[in-house]
Amino acid sequence: MRLVIVFCMLFLAVCESRKLSRCEVVRLFKAQGLDGFGGFSLGNYVCMAYWETKWKTHKVRDSDNIGKDYGIFQINSYKWCNDGTVGGKNLCKVFCGDLLNEDLKASIECAKKIVKQEGLKSWETWDKYCDGTKMKRWTEDCD
């Protein structure tokens, strides 16, 4: 029964999601406190989200490891959210389907927990494409 509920939540979230523009992402991330969070400028988060999903709120894909990756930050179901993955830890205490909502609240709150525990290096895309690059270009002209 729980699996049916999770599936229904995922289906509803996918129907409500879309691809956000760069400036929409900047505004949402800034409003929810990511600018400077964990010692990282806003551009770091915008860059990482771009390389994870091209700012698509509904993205779900099989993980390279265990489980699936969800939402704009591609948060893993085995470690961080609940989608019924056997042995999952759900460290963010959130259903994975909530990470697909375009308001990004659940995604940002979970990302903050990940950054507190592991830093942005938890995302290989940040390490590969964003770390050490100029971040201003990701946020400029989005006032």
Protein backbone atom coordinates (compact mmCIF):
# COMPACT_ATOMS: atom_id res chain seq x y z
CA MET A 1 0.00 0.00 0.00
CA ARG A 2 2.84 2.38 0.87
CA LEU A 3 4.38 1.83 -2.57
CA VAL A 4 1.08 2.79 -4.22
CA ILE A 5 0.95 6.02 -2.21
CA VAL A 6 4.56 6.87 -3.11
CA PHE A 7 3.85 6.18 -6.79
CA CYS A 8 0.76 8.43 -6.73
CA MET A 9 2.75 11.22 -5.08
CA LEU A 10 5.48 10.93 -7.70
CA PHE A 11 2.93 11.01 -10.52
CA LEU A 12 1.24 14.13 -9.16
CA ALA A 13 4.56 15.91 -8.63
CA VAL A 14 5.71 15.15 -12.18
CA CYS A 15 2.50 16.59 -13.60
CA GLU A 16 3.11 19.86 -11.76
CA SER A 17 6.77 20.30 -12.64
CA ARG A 18 8.64 22.08 -15.39
CA LYS A 19 11.99 23.44 -16.47
CA LEU A 20 12.83 26.69 -14.70
CA SER A 21 14.76 29.59 -16.21
CA ARG A 22 18.13 30.59 -14.78
CA CYS A 23 16.70 33.73 -13.19
CA GLU A 24 13.75 31.82 -11.70
CA VAL A 25 16.25 29.46 -10.10
CA VAL A 26 18.33 32.37 -8.82
CA ARG A 27 15.27 34.03 -7.25
CA LEU A 28 13.97 30.81 -5.67
CA PHE A 29 17.37 29.81 -4.31
CA LYS A 30 18.00 33.29 -2.93
CA ALA A 31 14.56 33.58 -1.32
CA GLN A 32 15.11 30.25 0.43
CA GLY A 33 18.50 31.17 1.85
CA LEU A 34 21.06 29.47 -0.37
CA ASP A 35 23.14 32.61 -1.04
CA GLY A 36 26.14 32.14 1.24
CA PHE A 37 24.79 28.95 2.79
CA GLY A 38 27.61 26.67 3.91
CA GLY A 39 30.09 29.31 2.78
CA PHE A 40 29.13 28.96 -0.90
CA SER A 41 27.89 31.79 -3.11
CA LEU A 42 24.52 31.46 -4.80
CA GLY A 43 26.21 30.82 -8.15
CA ASN A 44 27.60 27.53 -6.84
CA TYR A 45 24.11 26.17 -6.25
CA VAL A 46 22.75 27.50 -9.56
CA CYS A 47 25.70 25.97 -11.44
CA MET A 48 25.38 22.62 -9.72
CA ALA A 49 21.62 22.43 -10.34
CA TYR A 50 22.18 23.27 -14.00
CA TRP A 51 24.66 20.43 -14.46
CA GLU A 52 22.47 18.01 -12.50
CA THR A 53 19.19 18.63 -14.34
CA LYS A 54 19.34 21.72 -16.57
CA TRP A 55 16.95 23.19 -13.90
CA LYS A 56 14.22 20.60 -14.45
CA THR A 57 12.21 20.16 -11.26
CA HIS A 58 10.80 16.76 -12.24
CA LYS A 59 13.95 14.86 -13.16
CA VAL A 60 14.21 11.30 -11.81
CA ARG A 61 16.92 8.89 -12.87
CA ASP A 62 18.49 5.66 -11.69
CA SER A 63 21.46 6.33 -9.47
CA ASP A 64 24.93 5.14 -10.35
CA ASN A 65 24.90 3.50 -6.90
CA ILE A 66 21.72 2.47 -5.09
CA GLY A 67 18.22 3.90 -5.52
CA LYS A 68 17.17 6.82 -7.70
CA ASP A 69 18.07 10.52 -7.85
CA TYR A 70 15.26 13.08 -7.57
CA GLY A 71 14.53 16.69 -8.41
CA ILE A 72 16.57 19.71 -9.40
CA PHE A 73 19.52 18.61 -7.21
CA GLN A 74 19.22 14.87 -8.03
CA ILE A 75 19.00 13.87 -4.37
CA ASN A 76 19.52 10.15 -3.80
CA SER A 77 16.70 7.98 -2.46
CA TYR A 78 18.92 5.49 -0.67
CA LYS A 79 20.53 8.05 1.59
CA TRP A 80 18.43 11.20 1.67
CA CYS A 81 14.73 10.65 0.83
CA ASN A 82 12.07 7.93 0.99
CA ASP A 83 10.80 6.22 -2.14
CA GLY A 84 10.62 2.75 -0.67
CA THR A 85 14.22 1.82 -1.52
CA VAL A 86 15.12 -1.16 0.66
CA GLY A 87 17.48 -0.12 3.44
CA GLY A 88 17.01 3.59 2.65
CA LYS A 89 18.08 6.01 5.38
CA ASN A 90 15.85 9.05 4.56
CA LEU A 91 18.21 11.46 6.33
CA CYS A 92 16.20 14.45 5.08
CA LYS A 93 12.97 12.96 6.46
CA VAL A 94 11.10 13.64 3.21
CA PHE A 95 9.26 11.64 0.55
CA CYS A 96 11.25 11.68 -2.68
CA GLY A 97 8.15 12.84 -4.55
CA ASP A 98 8.27 16.10 -2.57
CA LEU A 99 11.65 16.81 -4.19
CA LEU A 100 9.89 17.11 -7.56
CA ASN A 101 7.75 20.14 -6.66
CA GLU A 102 8.57 23.31 -8.54
CA ASP A 103 8.44 25.47 -5.37
CA LEU A 104 11.73 23.68 -4.49
CA LYS A 105 11.18 24.01 -0.72
CA ALA A 106 11.75 20.34 0.06
CA SER A 107 14.67 20.13 -2.37
CA ILE A 108 16.40 23.16 -0.89
CA GLU A 109 15.87 22.05 2.71
CA CYS A 110 17.30 18.63 1.91
CA ALA A 111 20.21 20.15 -0.06
CA LYS A 112 21.03 22.28 2.99
CA LYS A 113 21.25 19.14 5.13
CA ILE A 114 23.52 17.52 2.58
CA VAL A 115 25.77 20.60 2.41
CA LYS A 116 25.95 20.76 6.22
CA GLN A 117 27.05 17.13 6.38
CA GLU A 118 29.12 16.69 3.22
CA GLY A 119 29.53 20.04 1.49
CA LEU A 120 28.92 20.65 -2.21
CA LYS A 121 31.53 17.98 -3.04
CA SER A 122 28.69 15.53 -2.42
CA TRP A 123 27.63 16.40 -5.99
CA GLU A 124 30.15 15.19 -8.57
CA THR A 125 28.83 17.74 -11.06
CA TRP A 126 29.74 20.62 -8.74
CA ASP A 127 33.22 19.20 -8.29
CA LYS A 128 33.67 18.65 -12.03
CA TYR A 129 31.99 21.73 -13.57
CA CYS A 130 31.58 24.41 -10.90
CA ASP A 131 34.31 24.30 -8.25
CA GLY A 132 37.00 26.85 -9.00
CA THR A 133 35.08 28.58 -11.80
CA LYS A 134 33.62 32.08 -11.87
CA MET A 135 30.19 31.97 -10.28
CA LYS A 136 29.01 35.50 -11.10
CA ARG A 137 27.87 34.46 -14.58
CA TRP A 138 25.25 32.15 -13.06
CA THR A 139 23.50 34.96 -11.18
CA GLU A 140 24.16 38.16 -13.14
CA ASP A 141 21.23 40.13 -14.57
CA CYS A 142 18.72 38.27 -12.38
CA ASP A 143 17.73 41.05 -9.97
